[in-house]
Protein backbone atom coordinates (compact mmCIF):
# COMPACT_ATOMS: atom_id res chain seq x y z
CA MET A 1 57.04 72.41 73.64
CA ALA A 2 55.47 75.39 71.86
CA TYR A 3 57.27 78.73 72.01
CA SER A 4 55.93 82.16 71.08
CA VAL A 5 57.38 85.41 69.75
CA GLY A 6 58.59 87.64 72.57
CA GLN A 7 59.05 84.76 74.99
CA ASN A 8 62.05 84.89 77.30
CA ILE A 9 64.20 81.82 76.91
CA GLU A 10 67.71 80.50 77.34
CA ILE A 11 69.96 79.86 74.36
CA PHE A 12 72.66 77.20 74.28
CA TRP A 13 75.94 78.45 72.84
CA ASN A 14 79.49 77.22 73.38
CA ASN A 15 78.47 74.88 76.22
CA THR A 16 76.72 77.67 78.16
CA TRP A 17 73.10 78.80 78.44
CA TYR A 18 72.52 82.52 77.80
CA PRO A 19 69.35 84.58 78.41
CA GLY A 20 67.52 85.69 75.28
CA VAL A 21 64.19 86.29 73.61
CA ILE A 22 62.43 84.81 70.57
CA LEU A 23 62.06 87.34 67.74
CA GLU A 24 60.57 85.16 65.01
CA ILE A 25 59.47 81.58 64.50
CA GLY A 26 60.66 80.22 61.18
CA GLN A 27 59.99 77.12 59.18
CA LYS A 28 61.42 73.71 60.03
CA LYS A 29 61.30 74.53 63.74
CA THR A 30 63.95 77.25 63.65
CA TYR A 31 63.81 80.33 65.82
CA LEU A 32 65.31 83.78 65.31
CA VAL A 33 66.63 84.78 68.73
CA SER A 34 68.28 87.76 70.34
CA TYR A 35 70.80 87.42 73.16
CA LEU A 36 69.87 89.62 76.09
CA GLY A 37 72.40 92.39 76.51
CA TRP A 38 74.02 91.85 73.11
CA SER A 39 73.59 93.93 69.94
CA ASP A 40 71.36 92.87 67.03
CA SER A 41 74.44 91.78 65.08
CA PHE A 42 74.47 88.67 67.30
CA ASN A 43 70.88 87.69 66.43
CA GLU A 44 70.74 84.26 64.83
CA ALA A 45 68.42 81.46 63.76
CA ILE A 46 68.80 78.35 65.89
CA GLU A 47 67.26 74.92 66.21
CA LEU A 48 64.70 73.94 68.80
CA SER A 49 67.26 71.77 70.60
CA LYS A 50 69.29 74.87 71.49
CA ILE A 51 66.59 76.74 73.38
CA ARG A 52 64.84 76.06 76.64
CA ILE A 53 62.53 77.72 79.11
CA ASN A 54 64.40 79.70 81.71
CA GLN A 55 65.34 77.31 84.51
CA ASP A 56 65.44 79.94 87.23
CA LYS A 57 62.53 81.63 88.96
CA PRO A 58 61.68 85.11 87.72
CA ALA A 59 64.09 87.64 89.16
CA ASP A 60 61.32 90.07 90.01
CA GLU A 61 59.73 87.45 92.25
CA ASN A 62 62.72 87.81 94.55
CA SER A 63 61.64 90.73 96.72
CA ASP A 64 65.15 91.06 98.12
CA LEU A 65 66.58 92.22 94.80
CA LYS A 66 66.59 95.92 94.00
CA VAL A 67 68.34 98.09 91.46
CA GLY A 68 71.51 99.38 93.08
CA ASP A 69 72.01 96.34 95.31
CA LYS A 70 75.58 95.14 95.73
CA ILE A 71 75.88 91.45 94.93
CA GLU A 72 78.36 88.90 93.61
CA ALA A 73 77.97 87.58 90.08
CA GLU A 74 79.44 84.41 88.62
CA TRP A 75 81.44 84.69 85.43
CA GLY A 76 83.43 81.74 84.19
CA SER A 77 84.31 79.81 87.32
CA SER A 78 84.79 82.84 89.59
CA TRP A 79 82.61 85.24 91.55
CA TYR A 80 82.98 89.01 91.13
CA GLU A 81 81.64 92.00 93.03
CA ALA A 82 78.89 93.72 91.06
CA ILE A 83 75.91 96.02 91.34
CA ILE A 84 72.41 95.46 89.95
CA GLU A 85 71.67 97.84 87.07
CA GLU A 86 68.31 96.52 85.87
CA ILE A 87 65.81 93.75 86.65
CA LYS A 88 63.64 91.92 84.13
CA THR A 89 61.61 88.76 84.35
CA CYS A 90 64.06 85.91 84.97
CA TYR A 91 67.16 88.07 84.45
CA VAL A 92 69.24 90.67 86.23
CA LYS A 93 71.62 93.08 84.52
CA VAL A 94 74.81 93.61 86.51
CA ARG A 95 77.81 95.88 86.30
CA TYR A 96 81.05 94.43 87.59
CA LYS A 97 83.02 96.50 90.08
CA ASN A 98 85.96 98.35 88.50
CA TYR A 99 84.81 97.41 84.97
CA SER A 100 83.21 99.69 82.39
CA ASN A 101 79.63 99.28 81.18
CA ASN A 102 80.99 97.37 78.18
CA TRP A 103 81.16 94.40 80.55
CA ASP A 104 77.56 94.72 81.78
CA THR A 105 75.88 91.31 81.65
CA TRP A 106 72.42 89.82 82.00
CA ILE A 107 72.50 86.84 84.34
CA THR A 108 70.03 84.46 85.92
CA ASN A 109 69.45 84.03 89.63
CA GLU A 110 71.61 80.93 89.73
CA LYS A 111 74.64 83.08 88.87
CA LEU A 112 73.94 85.61 91.57
CA ARG A 113 74.52 85.56 95.30
CA PRO A 114 74.52 88.12 98.12
CA ALA A 115 77.75 90.03 98.49
CA GLU A 116 79.94 88.89 101.31
CA THR A 117 79.45 91.09 104.34
CA ASN A 118 82.07 93.78 104.07
CA VAL A 119 83.21 95.90 106.95
CA SER A 120 81.86 99.39 106.33
CA GLU A 121 84.13 102.42 106.28
CA ALA A 122 82.50 103.56 109.50
CA SER A 123 83.31 100.21 111.11
CA VAL A 124 86.90 100.39 109.88
CA GLU A 125 87.19 103.89 111.31
CA ALA A 126 85.70 102.72 114.61
CA GLU A 127 88.10 99.77 114.77
CA GLY A 128 90.99 102.12 113.99
CA SER A 129 89.89 104.40 116.80
CA ILE A 130 89.73 101.49 119.24
CA PHE A 131 93.21 100.36 118.19
CA ALA A 132 94.56 103.90 118.65
CA GLU A 133 93.04 104.02 122.13
CA CYS A 134 94.72 100.72 122.99
CA VAL A 135 98.11 101.98 121.83
CA GLY A 136 97.52 105.23 123.69
CA SER A 137 96.73 103.30 126.86
CA LEU A 138 100.19 101.73 126.68
CA TYR A 139 101.66 105.24 126.77
CA ASP A 140 99.67 106.03 129.91
CA SER A 141 100.26 102.71 131.70
CA ARG A 142 103.75 101.86 130.35
CA ARG A 143 102.82 98.18 130.67
CA PHE A 144 105.07 95.69 128.89
CA GLY A 145 107.64 98.40 128.14
CA ASP A 146 111.05 97.15 127.01
CA VAL A 147 113.20 100.26 126.69
CA ASN A 148 114.02 103.27 128.88
CA VAL A 149 115.17 106.53 127.32
CA GLN A 150 117.45 109.05 129.00
CA ILE A 151 117.33 112.67 127.83
CA PHE A 152 120.13 114.44 129.68
CA SER A 153 119.08 114.10 133.35
CA GLU A 154 115.49 112.99 132.70
CA TYR A 155 114.27 109.43 132.15
CA PHE A 156 111.32 108.07 130.19
CA PHE A 157 110.60 104.60 131.48
CA GLY A 158 108.62 101.73 129.98
CA LEU A 159 108.50 102.71 126.31
CA HIS A 160 107.93 100.11 123.60
CA ARG A 161 110.50 99.45 120.87
CA CYS A 162 107.99 98.02 118.42
CA ILE A 163 105.72 101.08 118.64
CA LEU A 164 108.55 103.61 118.42
CA ALA A 165 110.17 101.78 115.49
CA ALA A 166 106.89 101.29 113.63
CA ARG A 167 105.95 104.96 113.90
CA CYS A 168 109.35 106.62 113.47
CA SER A 169 112.07 105.63 110.98
CA ARG A 170 114.77 107.19 113.17
CA PHE A 171 113.91 104.85 116.05
CA ASP A 172 113.79 101.95 113.63
CA GLU A 173 117.39 102.69 112.65
CA ILE A 174 118.47 103.21 116.28
CA PHE A 175 117.01 99.91 117.51
CA LYS A 176 118.71 97.97 114.74
CA GLU A 177 122.01 98.98 116.34
CA CYS A 178 121.00 99.31 120.00
CA THR A 179 119.50 96.34 121.82
CA ALA A 180 120.18 97.59 125.35
CA GLU A 181 117.29 98.39 127.68
CA LYS A 182 118.61 101.94 128.12
CA LEU A 183 118.85 104.42 125.26
CA VAL A 184 120.59 107.79 125.67
CA ILE A 185 119.52 110.65 123.37
CA GLU A 186 121.13 114.10 123.42
CA ASP A 187 119.84 115.86 120.29
CA ILE A 188 116.41 116.86 121.61
CA SER A 189 115.15 118.48 124.80
CA SER A 190 113.19 116.40 127.30
CA ASP A 191 110.12 118.66 126.96
CA ILE A 192 109.92 118.22 123.19
CA PHE A 193 110.79 114.52 123.43
CA SER A 194 107.84 114.09 125.79
CA LEU A 195 105.53 115.68 123.19
CA LEU A 196 107.08 113.57 120.42
CA ILE A 197 106.50 110.33 122.32
CA GLU A 198 102.93 111.27 123.17
CA TYR A 199 102.20 111.96 119.50
CA ILE A 200 103.79 108.66 118.48
CA TYR A 201 101.44 106.77 120.80
CA LYS A 202 98.30 108.88 120.51
CA ALA A 203 98.59 110.79 117.20
CA ALA A 204 97.51 113.88 119.13
CA VAL A 205 99.10 116.25 121.62
CA ASN A 206 98.35 119.70 123.05
CA LEU A 207 100.54 122.36 121.47
CA ASN A 208 101.00 126.09 121.67
CA PRO A 209 102.78 128.00 118.87
CA ILE A 210 106.21 127.70 120.49
CA THR A 211 106.00 123.98 121.27
CA ALA A 212 104.57 123.47 117.77
CA LEU A 213 107.70 125.15 116.37
CA TYR A 214 110.15 122.99 118.31
CA LEU A 215 108.22 119.78 117.71
CA TYR A 216 108.13 120.68 114.01
CA CYS A 217 111.93 121.04 114.07
CA ALA A 218 112.29 117.73 115.91
CA ALA A 219 110.13 116.01 113.30
CA GLU A 220 112.84 116.55 110.72
CA LYS A 221 115.20 114.39 112.79
CA TYR A 222 112.49 112.05 114.07
CA PRO A 223 110.05 111.64 111.15
CA VAL A 224 106.57 110.52 112.20
CA SER A 225 103.72 110.29 109.72
CA GLY A 226 101.49 113.36 109.93
CA LEU A 227 103.47 115.10 112.68
CA MET A 228 104.68 118.12 110.70
CA GLU A 229 101.21 118.72 109.28
CA TYR A 230 99.79 118.42 112.79
CA CYS A 231 102.20 121.09 114.06
CA LEU A 232 101.31 123.44 111.20
CA GLN A 233 97.59 122.86 111.73
CA SER A 234 97.92 123.66 115.44
CA LEU A 235 98.89 127.22 114.52
CA SER A 236 95.33 127.78 113.30
CA ASN A 237 93.89 126.81 116.68
CA GLU A 238 92.70 129.42 119.17
CA ASN A 239 96.13 130.92 119.81
CA SER A 240 96.69 134.37 121.24
CA VAL A 241 98.48 137.03 119.21
CA GLU A 242 101.13 137.22 121.94
CA ASP A 243 101.89 133.49 121.63
CA LEU A 244 102.05 133.71 117.83
CA LEU A 245 104.48 136.62 118.01
CA LYS A 246 106.65 134.84 120.57
CA ALA A 247 106.74 131.85 118.24
CA TYR A 248 107.80 134.12 115.37
CA VAL A 249 110.71 135.49 117.42
CA GLU A 250 111.75 131.93 118.34
CA TYR A 251 111.36 130.84 114.72
CA GLU A 252 113.81 133.50 113.52
CA SER A 253 116.42 132.10 115.91
CA VAL A 254 116.03 128.42 114.96
CA LYS A 255 115.03 128.50 111.28
CA SER A 256 118.61 127.92 110.16
CA SER A 257 118.35 124.39 111.58
CA LEU A 258 115.56 123.54 109.13
CA SER A 259 115.85 122.69 105.46
CA SER A 260 114.70 125.55 103.24
CA LYS A 261 111.48 123.78 102.20
CA LEU A 262 110.42 123.04 105.78
CA GLU A 263 111.48 126.52 106.84
CA ASP A 264 109.21 128.10 104.21
CA ARG A 265 106.23 125.94 105.20
CA PHE A 266 106.37 126.89 108.87
CA GLU A 267 106.97 130.56 108.16
CA LYS A 268 104.04 130.70 105.74
CA ALA A 269 101.69 129.01 108.22
CA LEU A 270 102.78 131.36 111.01
CA VAL A 271 102.59 134.52 108.87
CA ASP A 272 99.15 133.42 107.62
CA GLN A 273 97.87 133.46 111.19
CA LEU A 274 99.50 136.79 112.02
CA SER A 275 98.14 138.43 108.86
CA SER A 276 94.62 137.20 109.65
CA LYS A 277 94.87 139.02 113.00
CA PHE A 278 96.85 142.00 111.77
CA ARG A 279 94.94 144.68 113.68
CA LEU A 280 95.38 142.82 116.95
CA VAL A 281 99.02 142.19 116.10
CA THR A 282 99.83 145.89 115.69
CA LYS A 283 98.21 146.69 119.04
CA SER A 284 99.99 143.96 120.97
CA GLU A 285 102.78 144.70 123.41
CA SER A 286 105.02 142.00 121.94
CA PHE A 287 104.75 143.55 118.48
CA GLN A 288 105.77 146.98 119.74
CA LYS A 289 108.79 145.49 121.53
CA LEU A 290 110.13 143.68 118.48
CA ASP A 291 113.64 144.42 117.30
CA LYS A 292 113.51 147.02 114.50
CA ASP A 293 114.88 144.71 111.78
CA LEU A 294 112.59 141.89 112.88
CA LEU A 295 109.62 144.26 112.98
CA VAL A 296 110.25 145.55 109.46
CA SER A 297 110.75 142.00 108.16
CA LEU A 298 107.51 140.78 109.73
CA VAL A 299 105.46 143.74 108.45
CA ARG A 300 106.74 143.15 104.92
CA LYS A 301 105.84 139.46 105.07
CA ILE A 302 102.37 140.21 106.43
CA ALA A 303 101.85 142.89 103.75
CA ASN A 304 102.88 140.47 101.01
CA GLN A 305 100.55 137.84 102.40
CA ILE A 306 97.62 140.27 102.54
CA ILE A 307 98.28 141.35 98.93
CA ILE A 308 98.44 137.72 97.75
CA THR A 309 95.17 136.79 99.47
């Protein structure tokens, strides 16, 4: 077999065939070769028995391959996720996922296969939405419920222990001790408990500034992922100045029940909204009826917020 300078070949080294190119043809049937993807320091003269014509079809004949394609590449005895960086005749340069370009490798088609079909982020989000709807439907239908909750004189029938415990650490602790079908709770009002349960099942609930305040307070006793942030975010919805001011008055009466950090977060979110509507606030009837000390305190907080922003 006659080889020529510049010809793409495969080079046998350490029981493996590597892509390369012939640089020079020497005497006594030796060939100076370069390994594709390796620096010139790895160039070496080898015997004819250690080179062969590439056994795979040219990579550029495969119309399905494009730079940027996600594929799987074989290295050792395992397959790794990779992306195509470059395509040359017979060889494809790949970059392995989560590895630097120092690990980029030229491989032949036989060491390449289509990536396994992965569920796209959009599909995951869609599946998550469907699951949330299914859980929410259990709240509406109360099918397969296994616990009833009594809040003073009001009952909530057909709730689900597994959902309550999975979403709220307080319920998880309660159900470890209580296995009865009836659970009595006396540290939360029935109105706020109803909102809490709806959020647990649906991760959404309609709030006004006052209900947001009391649900925020309840979330300290009944922690649910995202609930406090949801309450704070609801303050930036289309709320009237009157409702925001009423919430501020209520907040002043209940803030002592909150830890200082949570107290500061709610106050800041509420004052932010009032300061953004300051002109409307000063003209509102509720503002003019505020207790003098409360009025002075609120004006100072709004002024400080305006100066900061």
